[in-house]
Amino acid sequence: MSKALTCAAAALLTIASVSLGGQTKVIPGEMKTATVTVEAIETASRQVTVKKPDGTDVTFYVPTSMKRFDSLKVGDKINARYYENIVLQLKPAGAACSCANAGALTASRARPAQTT
């Protein structure tokens, strides 16, 4: 009985440590639209800081797949459609944050209008 209990406990700890190793869950948000103003452009790192209509600044990475990055100028107005997703990551205690993709842009295609 003791040996079976020890094996069961070891299996449970193994499963728990594997699942704590780096689970990620994305909770999708609703699509939002805003006209933002370009405040700063860091060409080398492809980071752009924009001011939202509520006055807050947001900095994000623009991937190389996005065209016309080189034509952006401070003061440009951008009409943006975006999702404010929540990303949850479960990590072991003391593990470093891997927030490298926070605020990253991804290319998207416009969805056809739905008629009802």
C-alpha atoms as a PDB file:
ATOM      1  CA  MET A   1       0.000   0.000   0.000  1.00  0.00           C
ATOM      2  CA  SER A   2       2.799   2.397   0.927  1.00  0.00           C
ATOM      3  CA  LYS A   3       4.643   1.671  -2.339  1.00  0.00           C
ATOM      4  CA  ALA A   4       1.485   2.363  -4.401  1.00  0.00           C
ATOM      5  CA  LEU A   5       0.891   5.608  -2.498  1.00  0.00           C
ATOM      6  CA  THR A   6       4.501   6.687  -3.087  1.00  0.00           C
ATOM      7  CA  CYS A   7       4.200   5.946  -6.834  1.00  0.00           C
ATOM      8  CA  ALA A   8       0.925   7.854  -7.042  1.00  0.00           C
ATOM      9  CA  ALA A   9       2.446  10.836  -5.218  1.00  0.00           C
ATOM     10  CA  ALA A  10       5.488  10.814  -7.504  1.00  0.00           C
ATOM     11  CA  ALA A  11       3.258  10.694 -10.585  1.00  0.00           C
ATOM     12  CA  LEU A  12       1.167  13.587  -9.266  1.00  0.00           C
ATOM     13  CA  LEU A  13       4.277  15.671  -8.570  1.00  0.00           C
ATOM     14  CA  THR A  14       5.616  14.909 -12.045  1.00  0.00           C
ATOM     15  CA  ILE A  15       2.364  16.001 -13.668  1.00  0.00           C
ATOM     16  CA  ALA A  16       2.249  19.141 -11.516  1.00  0.00           C
ATOM     17  CA  SER A  17       5.827  20.109 -12.302  1.00  0.00           C
ATOM     18  CA  VAL A  18       5.286  19.578 -16.038  1.00  0.00           C
ATOM     19  CA  SER A  19       2.104  21.631 -16.020  1.00  0.00           C
ATOM     20  CA  LEU A  20       3.776  24.398 -13.993  1.00  0.00           C
ATOM     21  CA  GLY A  21       6.670  24.475 -16.441  1.00  0.00           C
ATOM     22  CA  GLY A  22       5.201  27.118 -18.696  1.00  0.00           C
ATOM     23  CA  GLN A  23       1.499  26.959 -19.420  1.00  0.00           C
ATOM     24  CA  THR A  24       0.138  29.882 -21.385  1.00  0.00           C
ATOM     25  CA  LYS A  25      -3.501  30.801 -21.864  1.00  0.00           C
ATOM     26  CA  VAL A  26      -4.802  33.654 -23.995  1.00  0.00           C
ATOM     27  CA  ILE A  27      -8.159  35.161 -23.139  1.00  0.00           C
ATOM     28  CA  PRO A  28      -9.295  36.944 -26.288  1.00  0.00           C
ATOM     29  CA  GLY A  29     -10.784  40.401 -25.947  1.00  0.00           C
ATOM     30  CA  GLU A  30     -13.116  42.342 -28.170  1.00  0.00           C
ATOM     31  CA  MET A  31     -11.933  44.229 -31.228  1.00  0.00           C
ATOM     32  CA  LYS A  32     -11.508  47.939 -30.630  1.00  0.00           C
ATOM     33  CA  THR A  33     -10.846  50.805 -33.020  1.00  0.00           C
ATOM     34  CA  ALA A  34      -8.998  54.037 -32.329  1.00  0.00           C
ATOM     35  CA  THR A  35      -7.218  56.839 -34.089  1.00  0.00           C
ATOM     36  CA  VAL A  36      -3.804  57.171 -32.455  1.00  0.00           C
ATOM     37  CA  THR A  37      -0.980  59.664 -32.915  1.00  0.00           C
ATOM     38  CA  VAL A  38       2.613  58.535 -33.419  1.00  0.00           C
ATOM     39  CA  GLU A  39       4.704  59.984 -30.586  1.00  0.00           C
ATOM     40  CA  ALA A  40       8.079  58.239 -31.114  1.00  0.00           C
ATOM     41  CA  ILE A  41       9.699  55.809 -33.540  1.00  0.00           C
ATOM     42  CA  GLU A  42      12.723  53.650 -32.698  1.00  0.00           C
ATOM     43  CA  THR A  43      13.778  52.432 -36.130  1.00  0.00           C
ATOM     44  CA  ALA A  44      16.558  50.077 -34.980  1.00  0.00           C
ATOM     45  CA  SER A  45      14.270  48.070 -32.680  1.00  0.00           C
ATOM     46  CA  ARG A  46      11.118  48.721 -34.765  1.00  0.00           C
ATOM     47  CA  GLN A  47       9.242  50.068 -31.746  1.00  0.00           C
ATOM     48  CA  VAL A  48       6.577  52.744 -32.084  1.00  0.00           C
ATOM     49  CA  THR A  49       5.016  54.748 -29.278  1.00  0.00           C
ATOM     50  CA  VAL A  50       1.532  56.122 -29.909  1.00  0.00           C
ATOM     51  CA  LYS A  51      -0.857  58.267 -27.888  1.00  0.00           C
ATOM     52  CA  LYS A  52      -4.376  56.881 -27.586  1.00  0.00           C
ATOM     53  CA  PRO A  53      -7.450  59.158 -27.496  1.00  0.00           C
ATOM     54  CA  ASP A  54      -7.611  58.805 -23.691  1.00  0.00           C
ATOM     55  CA  GLY A  55      -4.120  60.335 -23.428  1.00  0.00           C
ATOM     56  CA  THR A  56      -2.239  57.151 -22.532  1.00  0.00           C
ATOM     57  CA  ASP A  57       0.888  56.113 -24.407  1.00  0.00           C
ATOM     58  CA  VAL A  58       1.416  52.607 -25.748  1.00  0.00           C
ATOM     59  CA  THR A  59       4.680  51.246 -27.151  1.00  0.00           C
ATOM     60  CA  PHE A  60       4.641  48.225 -29.424  1.00  0.00           C
ATOM     61  CA  TYR A  61       6.906  46.259 -31.733  1.00  0.00           C
ATOM     62  CA  VAL A  62       6.226  46.397 -35.475  1.00  0.00           C
ATOM     63  CA  PRO A  63       7.291  43.160 -37.214  1.00  0.00           C
ATOM     64  CA  THR A  64       9.195  43.269 -40.499  1.00  0.00           C
ATOM     65  CA  SER A  65       6.142  41.842 -42.272  1.00  0.00           C
ATOM     66  CA  MET A  66       4.333  45.152 -41.783  1.00  0.00           C
ATOM     67  CA  LYS A  67       4.854  47.299 -44.843  1.00  0.00           C
ATOM     68  CA  ARG A  68       5.403  51.083 -44.886  1.00  0.00           C
ATOM     69  CA  PHE A  69       7.123  51.173 -41.477  1.00  0.00           C
ATOM     70  CA  ASP A  70       9.842  53.380 -42.964  1.00  0.00           C
ATOM     71  CA  SER A  71       7.278  55.974 -44.058  1.00  0.00           C
ATOM     72  CA  LEU A  72       5.958  56.556 -40.499  1.00  0.00           C
ATOM     73  CA  LYS A  73       6.663  59.977 -39.003  1.00  0.00           C
ATOM     74  CA  VAL A  74       6.107  61.469 -35.557  1.00  0.00           C
ATOM     75  CA  GLY A  75       2.731  63.199 -35.592  1.00  0.00           C
ATOM     76  CA  ASP A  76       1.141  60.776 -38.087  1.00  0.00           C
ATOM     77  CA  LYS A  77      -2.405  59.684 -37.294  1.00  0.00           C
ATOM     78  CA  ILE A  78      -3.066  55.956 -37.556  1.00  0.00           C
ATOM     79  CA  ASN A  79      -6.474  54.331 -37.668  1.00  0.00           C
ATOM     80  CA  ALA A  80      -6.009  51.124 -35.709  1.00  0.00           C
ATOM     81  CA  ARG A  81      -8.105  48.041 -35.091  1.00  0.00           C
ATOM     82  CA  TYR A  82      -6.783  45.968 -32.226  1.00  0.00           C
ATOM     83  CA  TYR A  83      -7.621  43.368 -29.617  1.00  0.00           C
ATOM     84  CA  GLU A  84      -6.786  43.779 -25.952  1.00  0.00           C
ATOM     85  CA  ASN A  85      -6.082  40.155 -25.123  1.00  0.00           C
ATOM     86  CA  ILE A  86      -5.056  38.892 -21.714  1.00  0.00           C
ATOM     87  CA  VAL A  87      -2.159  36.429 -21.660  1.00  0.00           C
ATOM     88  CA  LEU A  88      -1.763  34.306 -18.542  1.00  0.00           C
ATOM     89  CA  GLN A  89       1.444  32.364 -17.954  1.00  0.00           C
ATOM     90  CA  LEU A  90       1.956  29.890 -15.143  1.00  0.00           C
ATOM     91  CA  LYS A  91       5.635  29.587 -14.223  1.00  0.00           C
ATOM     92  CA  PRO A  92       7.675  28.074 -11.433  1.00  0.00           C
ATOM     93  CA  ALA A  93       8.677  30.380  -8.593  1.00  0.00           C
ATOM     94  CA  GLY A  94      11.668  32.534  -9.502  1.00  0.00           C
ATOM     95  CA  ALA A  95      11.327  31.989 -13.263  1.00  0.00           C
ATOM     96  CA  ALA A  96      12.067  35.004 -15.448  1.00  0.00           C
ATOM     97  CA  CYS A  97       9.252  36.821 -17.198  1.00  0.00           C
ATOM     98  CA  SER A  98       9.102  36.173 -20.921  1.00  0.00           C
ATOM     99  CA  CYS A  99       7.104  39.232 -21.850  1.00  0.00           C
ATOM    100  CA  ALA A 100       8.963  39.728 -25.125  1.00  0.00           C
ATOM    101  CA  ASN A 101       5.771  39.622 -27.182  1.00  0.00           C
ATOM    102  CA  ALA A 102       3.847  42.089 -25.074  1.00  0.00           C
ATOM    103  CA  GLY A 103       2.513  44.780 -27.324  1.00  0.00           C
ATOM    104  CA  ALA A 104       3.489  43.090 -30.568  1.00  0.00           C
ATOM    105  CA  LEU A 105       1.622  43.821 -33.785  1.00  0.00           C
ATOM    106  CA  THR A 106       0.499  41.060 -36.067  1.00  0.00           C
ATOM    107  CA  ALA A 107      -0.806  41.506 -39.572  1.00  0.00           C
ATOM    108  CA  SER A 108      -4.469  40.792 -40.007  1.00  0.00           C
ATOM    109  CA  ARG A 109      -6.806  40.766 -42.939  1.00  0.00           C
ATOM    110  CA  ALA A 110     -10.056  42.674 -42.844  1.00  0.00           C
ATOM    111  CA  ARG A 111     -12.995  40.390 -42.309  1.00  0.00           C
ATOM    112  CA  PRO A 112     -15.856  40.748 -44.768  1.00  0.00           C
ATOM    113  CA  ALA A 113     -18.815  42.675 -43.445  1.00  0.00           C
ATOM    114  CA  GLN A 114     -21.569  40.483 -42.106  1.00  0.00           C
ATOM    115  CA  THR A 115     -25.130  41.215 -43.081  1.00  0.00           C
ATOM    116  CA  THR A 116     -28.084  40.118 -41.025  1.00  0.00           C
END
